[in-house]
């Protein structure tokens, strides 16, 4: 059984997720890079290998309960435990709009990926996290979901990230003493989702996620964190 930390990253094939995988692999973690499209996931693993970094790919459709259970079975067979679950997969729908105009179906679809899927995946993977000596769940959220910073526009995305933060707080309370559960805000980073005009390089935005996965005190739980600092919800 490997002593390396076993870390599952959702949406690991590009952008924020890929950078998290890259940095974690560089620190020697056993990374399970997941993505919905097998071709994209396998190509991401090849890119890491070209940098002399090791990760394995496993297909995961976060909105499919059967796919989540298949991931659980794989991790249990391969490693017997899970140390860190990083939920990064998310959508930022083009048809999002203001609260007065957004279609309810857009909100529903966004919630399914950005809130319901991480809740179900955490429930599914919890038995393996409980076998870890220092389990962690890290949800990639956004300042756009903080009630303390709430503005108009992009209502579906904002609502979904606010709900994700609620999921984080609930799981932190229920897993206290078993797993540290936190949300992180990477800031506005230059990715396919964030766009070329974003303020931060992706490596800068995700350094905090790697710290949270490998170095943060286990007592830090139930918090919303940006750049290693607790920020208001």
Protein backbone atom coordinates (compact mmCIF):
# COMPACT_ATOMS: atom_id res chain seq x y z
CA UNK A 1 0.00 0.00 0.00
CA UNK A 2 1.50 3.33 -1.05
CA UNK A 3 2.32 5.96 1.56
CA UNK A 4 1.80 8.74 -0.96
CA UNK A 5 -1.33 10.82 -0.42
CA UNK A 6 -4.10 9.49 -2.66
CA UNK A 7 -5.89 12.43 -4.26
CA UNK A 8 -8.87 12.45 -6.62
CA UNK A 9 -9.36 15.59 -8.70
CA UNK A 10 -12.55 16.09 -10.69
CA UNK A 11 -12.44 17.99 -13.95
CA UNK A 12 -8.69 17.49 -14.10
CA UNK A 13 -8.16 17.62 -17.83
CA UNK A 14 -7.84 21.39 -18.26
CA UNK A 15 -7.66 24.78 -16.60
CA UNK A 16 -7.85 24.87 -12.83
CA UNK A 17 -8.19 21.11 -12.47
CA UNK A 18 -5.17 20.34 -14.63
CA UNK A 19 -3.04 22.84 -12.73
CA UNK A 20 -4.07 21.29 -9.43
CA UNK A 21 -3.08 17.86 -10.76
CA UNK A 22 0.22 19.21 -12.08
CA UNK A 23 1.20 20.83 -8.80
CA UNK A 24 0.13 17.87 -6.70
CA UNK A 25 2.00 15.40 -8.90
CA UNK A 26 5.03 17.66 -8.58
CA UNK A 27 4.79 17.25 -4.82
CA UNK A 28 4.78 13.46 -5.15
CA UNK A 29 1.08 12.76 -4.59
CA UNK A 30 -0.69 9.82 -6.22
CA UNK A 31 -3.12 11.77 -8.39
CA UNK A 32 -6.25 10.27 -9.88
CA UNK A 33 -7.16 12.72 -12.63
CA UNK A 34 -10.81 12.42 -13.60
CA UNK A 35 -12.68 13.85 -16.56
CA UNK A 36 -15.95 13.19 -18.36
CA UNK A 37 -14.33 12.67 -21.77
CA UNK A 38 -11.79 9.80 -21.77
CA UNK A 39 -9.81 11.25 -24.69
CA UNK A 40 -9.35 14.57 -22.90
CA UNK A 41 -8.39 12.90 -19.64
CA UNK A 42 -5.85 10.59 -21.23
CA UNK A 43 -4.33 13.51 -23.15
CA UNK A 44 -3.97 15.44 -19.89
CA UNK A 45 -2.10 12.52 -18.32
CA UNK A 46 0.20 12.45 -21.35
CA UNK A 47 0.93 16.16 -20.90
CA UNK A 48 1.90 15.53 -17.31
CA UNK A 49 4.10 12.59 -18.31
CA UNK A 50 5.92 14.89 -20.76
CA UNK A 51 6.84 16.97 -17.71
CA UNK A 52 8.04 13.85 -15.87
CA UNK A 53 4.95 13.96 -13.66
CA UNK A 54 2.83 10.92 -12.91
CA UNK A 55 -0.96 10.70 -12.66
CA UNK A 56 -3.53 8.12 -13.60
CA UNK A 57 -6.77 8.77 -15.42
CA UNK A 58 -10.21 7.52 -14.51
CA UNK A 59 -13.37 8.48 -16.34
CA UNK A 60 -15.97 10.31 -14.26
CA UNK A 61 -19.24 11.93 -15.22
CA UNK A 62 -19.97 13.83 -12.02
CA UNK A 63 -23.72 13.95 -12.67
CA UNK A 64 -24.00 10.17 -13.11
CA UNK A 65 -24.30 8.26 -9.80
CA UNK A 66 -23.17 5.05 -11.48
CA UNK A 67 -19.98 6.75 -12.66
CA UNK A 68 -19.29 7.95 -9.11
CA UNK A 69 -19.74 4.44 -7.75
CA UNK A 70 -17.38 3.08 -10.41
CA UNK A 71 -14.76 5.58 -9.24
CA UNK A 72 -15.27 4.43 -5.66
CA UNK A 73 -14.75 0.80 -6.69
CA UNK A 74 -11.59 1.67 -8.62
CA UNK A 75 -9.98 3.68 -5.83
CA UNK A 76 -10.84 1.01 -3.28
CA UNK A 77 -9.30 -1.75 -5.40
CA UNK A 78 -6.22 0.24 -6.33
CA UNK A 79 -5.41 2.01 -3.07
CA UNK A 80 -7.76 0.91 -0.30
CA UNK A 81 -8.31 4.48 0.90
CA UNK A 82 -8.69 8.08 -0.23
CA UNK A 83 -6.86 10.95 1.43
CA UNK A 84 -8.12 13.98 -0.49
CA UNK A 85 -11.15 14.60 -2.70
CA UNK A 86 -10.92 17.82 -4.71
CA UNK A 87 -14.14 18.77 -6.43
CA UNK A 88 -13.18 21.14 -9.22
CA UNK A 89 -15.59 20.19 -12.02
CA UNK A 90 -18.08 22.94 -12.70
CA UNK A 91 -20.00 24.84 -15.35
CA UNK A 92 -20.39 28.55 -16.06
CA UNK A 93 -23.29 28.56 -18.50
CA UNK A 94 -23.25 30.99 -21.42
CA UNK A 95 -27.00 31.43 -21.08
CA UNK A 96 -26.66 32.60 -17.46
CA UNK A 97 -28.24 35.95 -16.77
CA UNK A 98 -29.57 38.24 -14.07
CA UNK A 99 -31.83 36.97 -11.34
CA UNK A 100 -34.82 38.58 -12.99
CA UNK A 101 -34.14 37.01 -16.39
CA UNK A 102 -32.31 33.72 -15.97
CA UNK A 103 -34.22 30.62 -17.05
CA UNK A 104 -35.04 28.31 -14.17
CA UNK A 105 -33.79 25.36 -16.21
CA UNK A 106 -30.37 27.06 -16.45
CA UNK A 107 -30.29 27.36 -12.66
CA UNK A 108 -31.35 23.74 -12.28
CA UNK A 109 -28.66 22.43 -14.66
CA UNK A 110 -25.98 24.54 -13.00
CA UNK A 111 -26.96 23.34 -9.54
CA UNK A 112 -26.78 19.73 -10.70
CA UNK A 113 -23.10 20.01 -11.63
CA UNK A 114 -21.89 22.66 -9.19
CA UNK A 115 -23.72 21.58 -6.02
CA UNK A 116 -25.58 18.27 -6.22
CA UNK A 117 -22.70 16.39 -7.86
CA UNK A 118 -20.10 17.34 -5.22
CA UNK A 119 -22.57 16.45 -2.47
CA UNK A 120 -23.23 13.02 -3.95
CA UNK A 121 -19.57 12.37 -4.73
CA UNK A 122 -18.59 13.25 -1.16
CA UNK A 123 -21.27 10.88 0.14
CA UNK A 124 -20.03 8.15 -2.19
CA UNK A 125 -16.33 8.53 -1.37
CA UNK A 126 -16.80 9.05 2.38
CA UNK A 127 -16.14 5.40 3.33
CA UNK A 128 -12.68 5.58 1.74
CA UNK A 129 -11.95 9.01 3.22
CA UNK A 130 -12.71 7.58 6.66
CA UNK A 131 -9.81 5.15 6.17
CA UNK A 132 -7.33 8.03 5.83
CA UNK A 133 -5.30 9.37 8.74
CA UNK A 134 -5.82 12.95 7.52
CA UNK A 135 -8.75 13.09 5.13
CA UNK A 136 -9.73 16.25 3.33
CA UNK A 137 -12.50 17.40 1.00
CA UNK A 138 -11.78 20.57 -0.98
CA UNK A 139 -14.51 22.21 -3.02
CA UNK A 140 -13.43 24.74 -5.63
CA UNK A 141 -15.91 27.55 -5.16
CA UNK A 142 -15.90 31.25 -6.06
CA UNK A 143 -16.14 34.64 -4.44
CA UNK A 144 -19.21 35.06 -6.63
CA UNK A 145 -20.93 32.63 -4.28
CA UNK A 146 -20.10 34.49 -1.09
CA UNK A 147 -23.12 36.22 0.43
CA UNK A 148 -20.73 38.86 1.75
CA UNK A 149 -19.77 39.80 -1.83
CA UNK A 150 -23.06 39.08 -3.60
CA UNK A 151 -23.90 41.14 -6.68
CA UNK A 152 -26.34 40.86 -9.54
CA UNK A 153 -25.83 39.03 -12.88
CA UNK A 154 -24.72 35.43 -13.47
CA UNK A 155 -27.44 34.32 -11.09
CA UNK A 156 -27.28 30.59 -11.82
CA UNK A 157 -23.54 30.41 -11.20
CA UNK A 158 -23.71 32.55 -8.07
CA UNK A 159 -26.57 30.50 -6.61
CA UNK A 160 -24.74 27.24 -7.32
CA UNK A 161 -21.55 28.36 -5.61
CA UNK A 162 -23.44 29.71 -2.60
CA UNK A 163 -25.13 26.31 -2.35
CA UNK A 164 -21.75 24.57 -2.69
CA UNK A 165 -20.46 26.62 0.23
CA UNK A 166 -23.45 25.44 2.26
CA UNK A 167 -22.66 21.83 1.35
CA UNK A 168 -19.08 22.43 2.51
CA UNK A 169 -20.19 23.76 5.89
CA UNK A 170 -22.66 20.91 6.41
CA UNK A 171 -20.12 18.20 5.57
CA UNK A 172 -17.48 19.89 7.73
CA UNK A 173 -19.84 19.71 10.71
CA UNK A 174 -20.82 16.11 10.05
CA UNK A 175 -17.25 14.92 9.39
CA UNK A 176 -15.55 16.88 12.16
CA UNK A 177 -12.75 14.77 13.57
CA UNK A 178 -12.82 12.56 10.47
CA UNK A 179 -12.11 14.89 7.55
CA UNK A 180 -11.31 18.57 7.06
CA UNK A 181 -13.82 20.04 4.60
CA UNK A 182 -13.30 23.46 3.07
CA UNK A 183 -14.19 25.61 0.08
CA UNK A 184 -11.51 27.52 -1.77
CA UNK A 185 -11.72 30.57 -4.00
CA UNK A 186 -8.92 30.67 -6.60
CA UNK A 187 -9.85 34.19 -7.68
CA UNK A 188 -10.37 35.21 -11.30
CA UNK A 189 -7.81 33.11 -13.17
CA UNK A 190 -6.89 32.89 -16.83
CA UNK A 191 -8.45 29.64 -18.05
CA UNK A 192 -10.91 28.67 -20.78
CA UNK A 193 -13.66 29.48 -18.29
CA UNK A 194 -12.08 32.60 -16.79
CA UNK A 195 -11.00 34.03 -20.12
CA UNK A 196 -7.78 35.77 -21.24
CA UNK A 197 -8.50 39.01 -19.35
CA UNK A 198 -8.60 37.42 -15.91
CA UNK A 199 -6.43 38.96 -13.21
CA UNK A 200 -4.42 35.92 -12.14
CA UNK A 201 -2.30 33.21 -13.67
CA UNK A 202 -3.79 29.79 -13.00
CA UNK A 203 -0.69 28.62 -11.10
CA UNK A 204 -1.05 31.56 -8.72
CA UNK A 205 -4.71 30.92 -8.11
CA UNK A 206 -4.29 27.22 -7.39
CA UNK A 207 -1.30 27.32 -5.07
CA UNK A 208 -3.78 27.59 -2.21
CA UNK A 209 -5.54 24.40 -3.26
CA UNK A 210 -2.29 22.46 -3.13
CA UNK A 211 -1.51 23.93 0.29
CA UNK A 212 -4.97 22.93 1.45
CA UNK A 213 -4.51 19.38 0.16
CA UNK A 214 -1.04 18.72 1.55
CA UNK A 215 0.03 21.28 4.14
CA UNK A 216 -2.88 23.04 5.84
CA UNK A 217 -3.57 22.12 9.48
CA UNK A 218 -6.19 19.40 9.82
CA UNK A 219 -7.95 21.64 12.33
CA UNK A 220 -8.80 24.07 9.51
CA UNK A 221 -12.27 22.94 8.50
CA UNK A 222 -15.63 24.43 7.60
CA UNK A 223 -14.01 27.53 6.12
CA UNK A 224 -13.90 29.51 2.88
CA UNK A 225 -10.27 30.15 1.92
CA UNK A 226 -8.46 32.31 -0.64
CA UNK A 227 -4.65 32.41 -0.83
CA UNK A 228 -4.37 30.48 2.45
CA UNK A 229 -6.49 33.07 4.28
CA UNK A 230 -9.99 32.50 5.63
CA UNK A 231 -12.46 34.85 3.93
CA UNK A 232 -16.11 35.68 4.69
CA UNK A 233 -18.84 33.41 3.36
